[in-house]
């Protein structure tokens, strides 16, 4: 897009260099202007030039004030206008807040505006925000406080209405009023979300402190829970719209939504997914909370799809595994909801629940006689859509060209790669950015002899290793589950003597923090008494 154009890209209120780098055009004919409250040294290392902006000079502050309230009012009351701009410390945000308040009351002289005697420019913003906030009607003041509690950089009308239990009409009116008073930035209409507003960072900090003094802990927690509920409910609505052939189990929400989310078309559902991705929290602790929330939400969809796949095979053991997975995942989601207001995760409680979920997810491999690997892979695909398909290296067993499918989660910006051989079947499936393990294993299985393999790659979570016969009517004849630690892992499997010479399968399934990575390869079983071959194969 930028290769043949001259563009000026303006990025406002950035927090980290990582937000900027993916958006920098490759063409040398383009320029990028980045504004930030703090220096970004990582950009300077790439050639960016930093400019520290000083507060507006008095004459420029008056020009900004006049653009908002009207030049005639400034000329009519020059001394009052100069005093108002001076009290704002020359800070554009403080001037905008004060001028927005004055513009909404044109009959009131500027000299009667509340005194904004701020000793420093930074305090001018806080004082201006306080003056505007204290003049708000109670419904608008309440909405502003609750907006600051939502863990997102921007919000839309429908989400705010659901999170604050306010009608959509009233919410739209209040958001417009707050934007008119310069407390919100109106980002315009975004496909899939409607009207989108952005709360200014300086206002967020002050309103969170105000909410802590004004609203009870129960109310503040309730708003965050409702916000998360509406995101999850809308994500489920996209699943039902985009993959209607997959059964989605009914979900019990902590709080009833005013209006259940619905999409009129596949395009609107995809537009919501693409639009909500940039609205994920950006601070480090919020990014970690969002990552855990998405992992548990994807785990819930995986459990539903897997339960649907196993529904025709009634088995108390399988049902217990699925119930235990659901209990562990639900417990983790409860912890995440509790942590949402503060953004502080309790890893001592969260990690054991993720470990329990992994144990039961891997336990399914031993409870099903066959097809468990394929069912788990199918269940994972049910929660993703295909972005593109690319060819890759030949299959190490049959030399057929492998095909890599690049998938994206229906719940947000988390991708997965699945590699399949047209003759041997699936080779591996793993989250993007997390490469499959490197496996050094014998080229064949010898009945009655140990099967030893070495695994490099994952350093956290659980790893299940299974040797299974080609026939899907029999279970694994050798398997183990191991807690992973940094460094290579050596696995020894005891192979029985009464094996039928055929092409068996080696499974490796890695479960870590509600995510699964699956790896499969073919290994031939040699006849008893055949001279062992010490060669190994790496994949």
Protein backbone atom coordinates (compact mmCIF):
# COMPACT_ATOMS: atom_id res chain seq x y z
CA UNK A 1 0.00 0.00 0.00
CA UNK A 2 2.81 2.46 0.87
CA UNK A 3 5.32 1.31 -1.75
CA UNK A 4 4.25 3.86 -4.39
CA UNK A 5 2.70 6.57 -2.19
CA UNK A 6 3.91 9.47 -0.11
CA UNK A 7 2.19 9.18 3.25
CA UNK A 8 2.24 11.01 6.57
CA UNK A 9 1.28 8.61 9.37
CA UNK A 10 0.34 10.14 12.74
CA UNK A 11 0.29 7.81 15.78
CA UNK A 12 -1.02 9.45 18.96
CA UNK A 13 -0.67 8.48 22.63
CA UNK A 14 1.58 5.47 22.05
CA UNK A 15 2.84 3.53 25.06
CA UNK A 16 5.62 1.35 23.64
CA UNK A 17 7.80 1.13 20.54
CA UNK A 18 6.24 -2.27 19.77
CA UNK A 19 2.98 -0.47 18.91
CA UNK A 20 4.77 1.68 16.35
CA UNK A 21 7.22 -0.61 14.56
CA UNK A 22 4.66 -2.81 12.70
CA UNK A 23 3.02 0.35 11.28
CA UNK A 24 6.15 2.08 9.93
CA UNK A 25 5.96 2.16 6.10
CA UNK A 26 8.83 0.57 4.22
CA UNK A 27 9.02 3.35 1.65
CA UNK A 28 11.53 6.14 2.21
CA UNK A 29 8.99 8.64 0.82
CA UNK A 30 6.77 8.28 3.91
CA UNK A 31 7.03 10.00 7.28
CA UNK A 32 5.74 8.98 10.71
CA UNK A 33 4.88 11.32 13.59
CA UNK A 34 4.55 9.61 16.99
CA UNK A 35 3.28 11.27 20.17
CA UNK A 36 3.93 9.74 23.56
CA UNK A 37 3.84 10.81 27.19
CA UNK A 38 7.26 9.22 27.76
CA UNK A 39 10.44 8.85 25.65
CA UNK A 40 10.69 5.85 23.35
CA UNK A 41 14.44 5.06 23.15
CA UNK A 42 13.87 1.99 20.98
CA UNK A 43 12.69 4.27 18.17
CA UNK A 44 15.72 6.53 18.55
CA UNK A 45 17.94 3.50 17.97
CA UNK A 46 16.22 3.10 14.57
CA UNK A 47 16.87 6.69 13.52
CA UNK A 48 13.85 8.50 14.95
CA UNK A 49 14.37 12.04 16.20
CA UNK A 50 12.89 12.96 19.56
CA UNK A 51 11.38 16.39 20.19
CA UNK A 52 10.31 17.44 23.68
CA UNK A 53 7.22 19.65 23.31
CA UNK A 54 6.95 22.54 25.73
CA UNK A 55 3.60 23.99 26.93
CA UNK A 56 1.96 26.47 24.57
CA UNK A 57 3.17 30.03 24.64
CA UNK A 58 0.50 32.50 25.90
CA UNK A 59 -0.40 33.70 22.39
CA UNK A 60 -0.73 30.13 21.09
CA UNK A 61 -2.79 29.10 24.12
CA UNK A 62 -5.20 31.98 23.35
CA UNK A 63 -5.46 30.85 19.72
CA UNK A 64 -6.41 27.33 20.84
CA UNK A 65 -8.92 28.72 23.33
CA UNK A 66 -10.45 30.91 20.64
CA UNK A 67 -10.86 28.01 18.20
CA UNK A 68 -13.02 26.17 20.75
CA UNK A 69 -15.04 28.92 22.46
CA UNK A 70 -15.01 31.35 19.53
CA UNK A 71 -12.67 34.21 18.75
CA UNK A 72 -15.38 36.80 19.49
CA UNK A 73 -15.61 35.70 23.14
CA UNK A 74 -11.82 35.86 23.50
CA UNK A 75 -11.71 39.40 21.98
CA UNK A 76 -14.63 40.47 24.16
CA UNK A 77 -12.90 39.30 27.38
CA UNK A 78 -9.17 39.42 26.67
CA UNK A 79 -8.07 39.56 30.33
CA UNK A 80 -10.37 36.70 31.42
CA UNK A 81 -9.29 34.61 28.41
CA UNK A 82 -5.61 35.19 29.16
CA UNK A 83 -6.15 34.28 32.83
CA UNK A 84 -7.96 31.09 31.86
CA UNK A 85 -5.20 30.02 29.41
CA UNK A 86 -2.51 30.88 31.95
CA UNK A 87 -4.23 28.87 34.68
CA UNK A 88 -4.15 25.85 32.37
CA UNK A 89 -0.36 26.08 32.29
CA UNK A 90 -0.32 26.17 28.49
CA UNK A 91 -1.21 22.44 28.39
CA UNK A 92 -3.38 21.66 25.31
CA UNK A 93 -5.45 19.04 27.13
CA UNK A 94 -6.21 21.36 30.06
CA UNK A 95 -7.09 24.22 27.69
CA UNK A 96 -9.34 21.89 25.68
CA UNK A 97 -11.16 20.70 28.81
CA UNK A 98 -11.68 24.21 30.15
CA UNK A 99 -12.67 25.58 26.75
CA UNK A 100 -15.05 22.70 26.13
CA UNK A 101 -16.79 23.44 29.41
CA UNK A 102 -17.06 27.13 28.51
CA UNK A 103 -18.29 26.38 24.98
CA UNK A 104 -21.24 24.41 26.37
CA UNK A 105 -22.34 27.48 28.36
CA UNK A 106 -22.00 30.38 25.89
CA UNK A 107 -24.04 32.77 28.04
CA UNK A 108 -21.59 32.57 30.92
CA UNK A 109 -18.74 35.10 30.87
CA UNK A 110 -15.25 33.66 30.78
CA UNK A 111 -14.42 35.71 33.86
CA UNK A 112 -16.92 33.68 35.86
CA UNK A 113 -15.31 30.38 34.97
CA UNK A 114 -14.04 28.45 38.03
CA UNK A 115 -10.48 29.44 38.92
CA UNK A 116 -7.90 27.05 37.54
CA UNK A 117 -4.95 28.02 39.71
CA UNK A 118 -2.65 25.08 39.00
CA UNK A 119 0.94 25.49 40.21
CA UNK A 120 2.46 23.24 37.49
CA UNK A 121 1.45 22.36 33.91
CA UNK A 122 0.96 18.68 34.82
CA UNK A 123 -1.41 19.63 37.63
CA UNK A 124 -3.30 21.91 35.26
CA UNK A 125 -4.74 18.88 33.47
CA UNK A 126 -5.89 17.33 36.75
CA UNK A 127 -7.46 20.57 37.94
CA UNK A 128 -9.19 21.16 34.59
CA UNK A 129 -10.51 17.61 34.61
CA UNK A 130 -11.83 18.06 38.15
CA UNK A 131 -13.65 21.28 37.21
CA UNK A 132 -15.31 19.67 34.21
CA UNK A 133 -16.15 16.48 36.15
CA UNK A 134 -17.79 18.40 39.00
CA UNK A 135 -20.02 20.21 36.51
CA UNK A 136 -21.30 16.98 34.95
CA UNK A 137 -24.81 15.69 35.66
CA UNK A 138 -24.72 12.57 37.81
CA UNK A 139 -25.49 10.08 34.96
CA UNK A 140 -22.60 11.45 32.87
CA UNK A 141 -20.24 11.58 35.87
CA UNK A 142 -21.10 7.97 36.77
CA UNK A 143 -20.52 6.79 33.20
CA UNK A 144 -17.14 8.56 33.05
CA UNK A 145 -15.97 6.86 36.26
CA UNK A 146 -17.10 3.44 35.07
CA UNK A 147 -15.52 3.93 31.64
CA UNK A 148 -12.13 4.38 33.29
CA UNK A 149 -12.46 0.96 34.94
CA UNK A 150 -12.83 -0.99 31.68
CA UNK A 151 -9.54 -2.71 30.67
CA UNK A 152 -9.50 -1.38 27.10
CA UNK A 153 -8.06 1.70 25.37
CA UNK A 154 -11.31 2.37 23.48
CA UNK A 155 -14.95 1.37 23.78
CA UNK A 156 -18.10 1.33 21.66
CA UNK A 157 -21.68 2.23 22.53
CA UNK A 158 -23.05 -1.32 22.74
CA UNK A 159 -20.23 -2.54 24.99
CA UNK A 160 -20.53 0.43 27.34
CA UNK A 161 -24.30 0.01 27.55
CA UNK A 162 -23.94 -3.66 28.52
CA UNK A 163 -21.08 -3.08 30.98
CA UNK A 164 -22.86 -0.24 32.81
CA UNK A 165 -26.42 -1.67 32.58
CA UNK A 166 -27.58 1.48 30.76
CA UNK A 167 -29.92 1.67 27.78
CA UNK A 168 -28.24 2.03 24.40
CA UNK A 169 -30.03 5.32 23.66
CA UNK A 170 -28.99 6.91 26.96
CA UNK A 171 -25.44 5.58 26.60
CA UNK A 172 -25.10 7.11 23.15
CA UNK A 173 -26.31 10.49 24.47
CA UNK A 174 -23.95 10.43 27.45
CA UNK A 175 -20.94 9.47 25.32
CA UNK A 176 -21.69 12.34 22.95
CA UNK A 177 -21.92 14.73 25.90
CA UNK A 178 -18.58 13.56 27.32
CA UNK A 179 -16.96 13.92 23.90
CA UNK A 180 -18.35 17.45 23.58
CA UNK A 181 -16.68 18.33 26.88
CA UNK A 182 -13.32 17.05 25.53
CA UNK A 183 -13.22 14.18 28.05
CA UNK A 184 -13.43 11.56 25.28
CA UNK A 185 -11.98 11.40 21.79
CA UNK A 186 -14.51 10.30 19.18
CA UNK A 187 -12.66 7.85 16.91
CA UNK A 188 -15.54 7.70 14.43
CA UNK A 189 -17.62 4.78 13.25
CA UNK A 190 -15.77 1.45 13.04
CA UNK A 191 -17.14 -1.52 11.11
CA UNK A 192 -18.47 -4.23 13.41
CA UNK A 193 -18.47 -1.93 16.47
CA UNK A 194 -20.32 1.25 15.58
CA UNK A 195 -19.35 4.54 17.25
CA UNK A 196 -16.01 4.19 19.06
CA UNK A 197 -14.67 6.52 21.77
CA UNK A 198 -11.27 6.76 23.42
CA UNK A 199 -10.68 7.93 26.99
CA UNK A 200 -7.62 10.12 27.36
CA UNK A 201 -4.87 8.53 29.52
CA UNK A 202 -4.66 11.51 31.93
CA UNK A 203 -8.42 11.36 32.45
CA UNK A 204 -8.33 7.56 32.99
CA UNK A 205 -5.90 7.79 35.91
CA UNK A 206 -7.85 10.56 37.61
CA UNK A 207 -11.25 8.91 37.10
CA UNK A 208 -10.01 5.56 38.44
CA UNK A 209 -8.91 7.33 41.60
CA UNK A 210 -12.27 9.09 41.77
CA UNK A 211 -14.13 5.80 41.28
CA UNK A 212 -12.13 4.22 44.13
CA UNK A 213 -13.40 7.00 46.43
CA UNK A 214 -16.96 7.17 45.09
CA UNK A 215 -18.01 3.67 44.05
CA UNK A 216 -17.91 0.53 46.15
CA UNK A 217 -15.62 -2.39 45.35
CA UNK A 218 -18.66 -4.47 44.38
CA UNK A 219 -19.75 -1.92 41.78
CA UNK A 220 -16.27 -1.57 40.30
CA UNK A 221 -15.90 -5.35 40.06
CA UNK A 222 -19.38 -5.68 38.56
CA UNK A 223 -18.54 -3.29 35.70
CA UNK A 224 -15.42 -5.26 34.72
CA UNK A 225 -17.30 -8.57 34.93
CA UNK A 226 -20.07 -7.23 32.69
CA UNK A 227 -17.49 -5.90 30.24
CA UNK A 228 -15.81 -9.32 29.99
CA UNK A 229 -19.19 -11.05 29.73
CA UNK A 230 -20.24 -8.95 26.74
CA UNK A 231 -16.91 -9.64 24.99
CA UNK A 232 -17.26 -13.40 25.53
CA UNK A 233 -20.95 -13.36 24.49
CA UNK A 234 -20.11 -11.49 21.30
CA UNK A 235 -17.24 -13.88 20.58
CA UNK A 236 -19.66 -16.81 20.95
CA UNK A 237 -22.05 -15.05 18.57
CA UNK A 238 -19.26 -14.85 15.98
CA UNK A 239 -18.61 -18.58 16.37
CA UNK A 240 -22.27 -19.38 15.81
CA UNK A 241 -22.34 -17.11 12.78
CA UNK A 242 -19.05 -18.16 11.15
CA UNK A 243 -19.14 -21.89 11.99
CA UNK A 244 -22.83 -22.83 12.23
CA UNK A 245 -22.01 -26.51 11.59
CA UNK A 246 -20.17 -26.71 14.92
CA UNK A 247 -22.23 -27.09 18.03
CA UNK A 248 -21.60 -24.38 20.64
CA UNK A 249 -22.68 -25.36 24.13
CA UNK A 250 -24.92 -22.82 25.91
CA UNK A 251 -22.97 -20.61 28.29
CA UNK A 252 -24.18 -19.32 31.63
CA UNK A 253 -23.17 -15.70 32.14
CA UNK A 254 -22.69 -14.13 35.51
CA UNK A 255 -24.84 -11.16 34.45
CA UNK A 256 -27.68 -11.01 31.92
CA UNK A 257 -27.04 -8.78 28.91
CA UNK A 258 -29.51 -6.06 27.95
CA UNK A 259 -29.49 -7.14 24.32
CA UNK A 260 -27.85 -10.40 23.15
CA UNK A 261 -25.24 -9.74 20.43
CA UNK A 262 -26.32 -10.69 16.92
CA UNK A 263 -24.67 -10.38 13.52
CA UNK A 264 -26.59 -9.86 10.30
CA UNK A 265 -23.86 -11.34 8.09
CA UNK A 266 -20.52 -13.13 8.11
CA UNK A 267 -18.87 -9.89 7.06
CA UNK A 268 -20.15 -8.04 10.13
CA UNK A 269 -18.98 -10.87 12.42
CA UNK A 270 -15.50 -10.84 10.88
CA UNK A 271 -15.45 -7.04 11.07
CA UNK A 272 -16.08 -7.21 14.82
CA UNK A 273 -13.23 -9.69 15.31
CA UNK A 274 -10.83 -7.55 13.30
CA UNK A 275 -11.93 -4.34 15.01
CA UNK A 276 -11.86 -5.62 18.58
CA UNK A 277 -8.29 -6.92 18.30
CA UNK A 278 -6.65 -3.47 18.64
CA UNK A 279 -8.89 -2.79 21.66
CA UNK A 280 -7.11 -5.41 23.73
CA UNK A 281 -5.33 -3.95 26.78
CA UNK A 282 -1.87 -2.54 26.11
CA UNK A 283 0.01 -2.24 29.44
CA UNK A 284 2.23 -5.23 30.21
CA UNK A 285 0.17 -6.56 33.10
CA UNK A 286 -3.05 -6.07 31.11
CA UNK A 287 -1.54 -7.85 28.11
CA UNK A 288 -0.77 -10.83 30.34
CA UNK A 289 -4.31 -10.79 31.72
CA UNK A 290 -5.74 -10.59 28.20
CA UNK A 291 -3.53 -13.49 27.04
CA UNK A 292 -4.76 -15.71 29.88
CA UNK A 293 -8.36 -14.65 29.21
CA UNK A 294 -8.10 -15.56 25.53
CA UNK A 295 -6.42 -18.89 26.31
CA UNK A 296 -9.21 -19.87 28.72
CA UNK A 297 -11.90 -18.69 26.28
CA UNK A 298 -10.34 -20.78 23.49
CA UNK A 299 -10.13 -23.71 25.92
CA UNK A 300 -13.88 -23.43 26.55
CA UNK A 301 -14.58 -23.60 22.80
CA UNK A 302 -12.13 -26.51 22.44
CA UNK A 303 -13.92 -28.43 25.22
CA UNK A 304 -17.29 -27.85 23.55
CA UNK A 305 -16.04 -29.01 20.14
CA UNK A 306 -14.29 -32.03 21.66
CA UNK A 307 -17.39 -32.94 23.66
CA UNK A 308 -19.44 -32.78 20.48
CA UNK A 309 -16.93 -35.08 18.74
CA UNK A 310 -17.08 -37.65 21.56
CA UNK A 311 -20.85 -37.41 22.16
CA UNK A 312 -21.61 -40.54 20.12
CA UNK A 313 -19.23 -42.62 22.27
CA UNK A 314 -20.74 -42.66 25.77
CA UNK A 315 -17.92 -43.32 28.22
CA UNK A 316 -17.97 -42.28 31.89
CA UNK A 317 -14.20 -41.87 31.85
CA UNK A 318 -14.28 -39.47 28.90
CA UNK A 319 -17.15 -37.51 30.41
CA UNK A 320 -15.22 -37.17 33.67
CA UNK A 321 -12.15 -35.90 31.80
CA UNK A 322 -14.20 -33.24 30.03
CA UNK A 323 -15.93 -32.21 33.27
CA UNK A 324 -12.59 -31.94 35.06
CA UNK A 325 -11.19 -29.82 32.22
CA UNK A 326 -14.22 -27.55 32.46
CA UNK A 327 -13.90 -27.21 36.24
CA UNK A 328 -10.20 -26.29 36.04
CA UNK A 329 -10.79 -23.81 33.22
CA UNK A 330 -13.82 -22.28 34.98
CA UNK A 331 -11.76 -21.86 38.15
CA UNK A 332 -9.07 -20.05 36.17
CA UNK A 333 -11.64 -17.74 34.58
CA UNK A 334 -12.97 -16.89 38.05
CA UNK A 335 -9.46 -15.89 39.12
CA UNK A 336 -9.08 -13.77 36.01
CA UNK A 337 -12.34 -11.94 36.69
CA UNK A 338 -11.19 -11.20 40.22
CA UNK A 339 -7.86 -9.90 38.93
CA UNK A 340 -9.39 -7.70 36.22
CA UNK A 341 -9.88 -4.52 38.35
CA UNK A 342 -6.28 -4.46 39.53
CA UNK A 343 -4.62 -6.33 36.65
CA UNK A 344 -2.53 -8.36 39.13
CA UNK A 345 -2.58 -12.12 38.53
CA UNK A 346 -2.17 -14.71 41.28
CA UNK A 347 0.09 -17.20 39.50
CA UNK A 348 0.28 -19.45 42.57
CA UNK A 349 -3.43 -20.22 42.12
CA UNK A 350 -3.62 -19.91 38.33
CA UNK A 351 -0.76 -22.22 37.33
CA UNK A 352 -2.07 -25.29 39.28
CA UNK A 353 -5.45 -24.93 37.51
CA UNK A 354 -3.70 -24.78 34.13
CA UNK A 355 -1.71 -27.88 35.14
CA UNK A 356 -4.92 -29.73 36.09
CA UNK A 357 -6.49 -28.85 32.76
CA UNK A 358 -3.40 -30.14 30.95
CA UNK A 359 -3.44 -33.42 32.89
CA UNK A 360 -7.05 -34.15 31.95
CA UNK A 361 -6.61 -33.00 28.34
CA UNK A 362 -3.69 -35.41 27.93
CA UNK A 363 -5.59 -38.08 29.85
CA UNK A 364 -8.05 -38.25 26.95
CA UNK A 365 -5.30 -39.81 24.85
CA UNK A 366 -5.13 -42.85 27.14
CA UNK A 367 -8.90 -43.21 27.63
CA UNK A 368 -9.77 -43.46 23.93
CA UNK A 369 -8.72 -46.53 22.00
CA UNK A 370 -8.19 -44.59 18.79
CA UNK A 371 -8.76 -41.33 17.00
CA UNK A 372 -7.97 -39.14 20.02
CA UNK A 373 -5.19 -37.26 18.22
CA UNK A 374 -7.40 -36.54 15.23
CA UNK A 375 -10.35 -35.54 17.44
CA UNK A 376 -8.23 -33.06 19.37
CA UNK A 377 -6.89 -31.64 16.12
CA UNK A 378 -10.42 -31.35 14.70
CA UNK A 379 -11.63 -29.64 17.86
CA UNK A 380 -8.79 -27.09 17.63
CA UNK A 381 -9.62 -26.38 13.99
CA UNK A 382 -13.25 -25.77 14.95
CA UNK A 383 -12.17 -22.68 16.89
CA UNK A 384 -10.11 -21.24 14.01
CA UNK A 385 -10.59 -20.11 10.42
CA UNK A 386 -8.12 -20.54 7.54
CA UNK A 387 -6.16 -17.46 6.50
CA UNK A 388 -4.02 -19.06 3.79
CA UNK A 389 -2.41 -22.33 2.71
CA UNK A 390 1.25 -22.66 1.71
CA UNK A 391 3.45 -25.61 0.59
CA UNK A 392 6.32 -26.66 2.84
CA UNK A 393 9.10 -29.28 3.01
CA UNK A 394 8.49 -32.91 1.93
CA UNK A 395 7.19 -35.48 4.40
CA UNK A 396 10.16 -37.25 6.05
CA UNK A 397 8.39 -40.62 5.72
CA UNK A 398 6.79 -40.70 2.26
CA UNK A 399 8.44 -37.64 0.60
CA UNK A 400 5.03 -36.22 -0.38
CA UNK A 401 4.85 -32.39 -0.22
CA UNK A 402 3.45 -31.15 3.08
CA UNK A 403 0.79 -28.43 3.27
CA UNK A 404 0.80 -25.74 5.97
CA UNK A 405 -2.50 -24.14 6.91
CA UNK A 406 -2.24 -20.75 8.63
CA UNK A 407 -5.23 -20.42 10.95
CA UNK A 408 -6.48 -17.58 13.14
CA UNK A 409 -8.59 -17.89 16.27
CA UNK A 410 -12.22 -16.78 16.09
CA UNK A 411 -11.68 -15.02 19.43
CA UNK A 412 -8.90 -12.67 18.45
CA UNK A 413 -5.36 -12.22 17.15
CA UNK A 414 -3.89 -15.60 18.02
CA UNK A 415 -2.75 -17.77 15.12
CA UNK A 416 -2.04 -21.47 14.70
CA UNK A 417 -0.16 -23.45 12.05
CA UNK A 418 -1.21 -26.96 11.05
CA UNK A 419 1.00 -29.05 8.74
CA UNK A 420 -0.51 -32.08 6.98
CA UNK A 421 0.76 -34.80 4.65
CA UNK A 422 -1.79 -35.94 2.04
CA UNK A 423 -0.71 -39.57 2.58
CA UNK A 424 0.36 -39.82 6.23
CA UNK A 425 -2.13 -37.35 7.70
CA UNK A 426 -1.47 -34.51 10.18
CA UNK A 427 2.18 -33.93 11.08
CA UNK A 428 1.91 -31.19 13.69
CA UNK A 429 -0.26 -28.32 14.87
CA UNK A 430 1.06 -25.57 17.10
CA UNK A 431 0.42 -21.89 17.99
CA UNK A 432 2.22 -19.45 15.73
CA UNK A 433 5.40 -18.18 17.33
CA UNK A 434 5.79 -21.43 19.25
CA UNK A 435 7.62 -23.84 16.91
CA UNK A 436 6.99 -27.58 17.17
CA UNK A 437 9.42 -29.62 19.27
CA UNK A 438 12.49 -31.14 17.66
CA UNK A 439 12.27 -34.91 18.09
CA UNK A 440 15.27 -37.25 17.79
CA UNK A 441 13.81 -40.77 17.70
CA UNK A 442 14.76 -44.22 16.35
CA UNK A 443 13.81 -44.81 12.75
CA UNK A 444 11.85 -47.95 13.72
CA UNK A 445 10.29 -49.79 16.66
CA UNK A 446 11.84 -53.11 17.69
CA UNK A 447 9.54 -55.41 19.71
CA UNK A 448 10.88 -56.06 23.19
CA UNK A 449 13.50 -53.33 23.02
CA UNK A 450 13.33 -49.86 24.67
CA UNK A 451 12.29 -46.97 22.44
CA UNK A 452 14.33 -43.91 23.47
CA UNK A 453 13.79 -40.43 22.05
CA UNK A 454 15.02 -36.92 22.86
CA UNK A 455 12.80 -33.84 22.68
CA UNK A 456 14.10 -30.26 22.38
CA UNK A 457 11.97 -27.12 22.48
CA UNK A 458 9.23 -26.67 25.06
CA UNK A 459 10.40 -25.93 28.60
CA UNK A 460 7.11 -25.58 30.48
CA UNK A 461 3.92 -27.60 30.82
CA UNK A 462 3.23 -31.30 30.28
CA UNK A 463 4.32 -33.55 27.42
CA UNK A 464 2.55 -36.81 26.57
CA UNK A 465 4.39 -39.34 24.38
CA UNK A 466 2.48 -42.30 22.92
CA UNK A 467 3.33 -45.21 20.66
CA UNK A 468 0.13 -46.51 19.08
CA UNK A 469 -0.58 -49.24 16.56
CA UNK A 470 -1.96 -48.40 13.17
CA UNK A 471 -5.28 -50.01 14.05
CA UNK A 472 -7.58 -47.46 15.72
CA UNK A 473 -9.27 -50.23 17.70
CA UNK A 474 -6.36 -50.59 20.08
CA UNK A 475 -4.96 -48.13 22.57
CA UNK A 476 -1.36 -47.07 23.10
CA UNK A 477 1.02 -49.92 23.91
CA UNK A 478 3.63 -47.52 25.37
CA UNK A 479 3.06 -44.04 26.73
CA UNK A 480 4.23 -41.59 29.37
CA UNK A 481 3.41 -38.06 30.55
CA UNK A 482 6.25 -35.84 31.80
CA UNK A 483 6.56 -32.43 33.46
CA UNK A 484 8.84 -30.31 31.29
CA UNK A 485 11.87 -28.33 32.45
CA UNK A 486 14.54 -26.30 30.63
CA UNK A 487 16.90 -28.41 28.54
CA UNK A 488 16.53 -31.53 26.37
CA UNK A 489 14.19 -34.26 27.58
CA UNK A 490 14.95 -37.96 27.21
CA UNK A 491 11.98 -40.34 27.15
CA UNK A 492 12.26 -44.13 27.47
CA UNK A 493 9.30 -46.27 26.42
CA UNK A 494 9.05 -50.00 27.11
CA UNK A 495 7.94 -51.77 23.94
CA UNK A 496 6.13 -55.14 24.31
CA UNK A 497 7.28 -58.19 22.38
CA UNK A 498 3.97 -59.25 20.80
CA UNK A 499 3.66 -56.53 18.16
CA UNK A 500 2.42 -56.99 14.62
CA UNK A 501 4.88 -55.61 12.05
CA UNK A 502 3.13 -52.59 10.57
CA UNK A 503 3.38 -48.80 10.36
CA UNK A 504 2.68 -47.39 13.83
CA UNK A 505 2.37 -43.84 15.05
CA UNK A 506 4.38 -41.72 17.48
CA UNK A 507 2.34 -39.01 19.18
CA UNK A 508 3.66 -36.05 21.14
CA UNK A 509 1.11 -33.66 22.67
CA UNK A 510 2.33 -30.63 24.60
CA UNK A 511 -0.15 -28.92 26.95
CA UNK A 512 0.82 -25.58 28.47
CA UNK A 513 -1.46 -22.93 30.02
CA UNK A 514 -4.65 -24.04 28.23
CA UNK A 515 -2.90 -24.46 24.87
CA UNK A 516 -2.15 -27.69 23.00
CA UNK A 517 0.57 -28.46 20.46
CA UNK A 518 0.31 -31.78 18.61
CA UNK A 519 3.07 -33.67 16.76
CA UNK A 520 2.72 -36.97 14.88
CA UNK A 521 5.04 -39.13 12.84
CA UNK A 522 5.00 -42.65 11.42
CA UNK A 523 7.37 -45.33 12.74
CA UNK A 524 7.52 -48.86 11.29
CA UNK A 525 7.50 -51.92 13.59
CA UNK A 526 10.21 -54.37 12.52
CA UNK A 527 9.66 -58.14 12.79
CA UNK A 528 10.94 -59.85 15.93
CA UNK A 529 14.57 -60.89 15.56
CA UNK A 530 15.37 -58.27 12.93
CA UNK A 531 18.82 -56.75 13.40
CA UNK A 532 18.28 -53.40 15.19
CA UNK A 533 19.26 -50.30 13.34
CA UNK A 534 20.83 -47.69 15.58
CA UNK A 535 20.00 -44.83 13.22
CA UNK A 536 17.66 -42.10 14.35
CA UNK A 537 15.37 -39.71 12.56
CA UNK A 538 14.95 -36.04 13.45
CA UNK A 539 11.71 -34.19 12.86
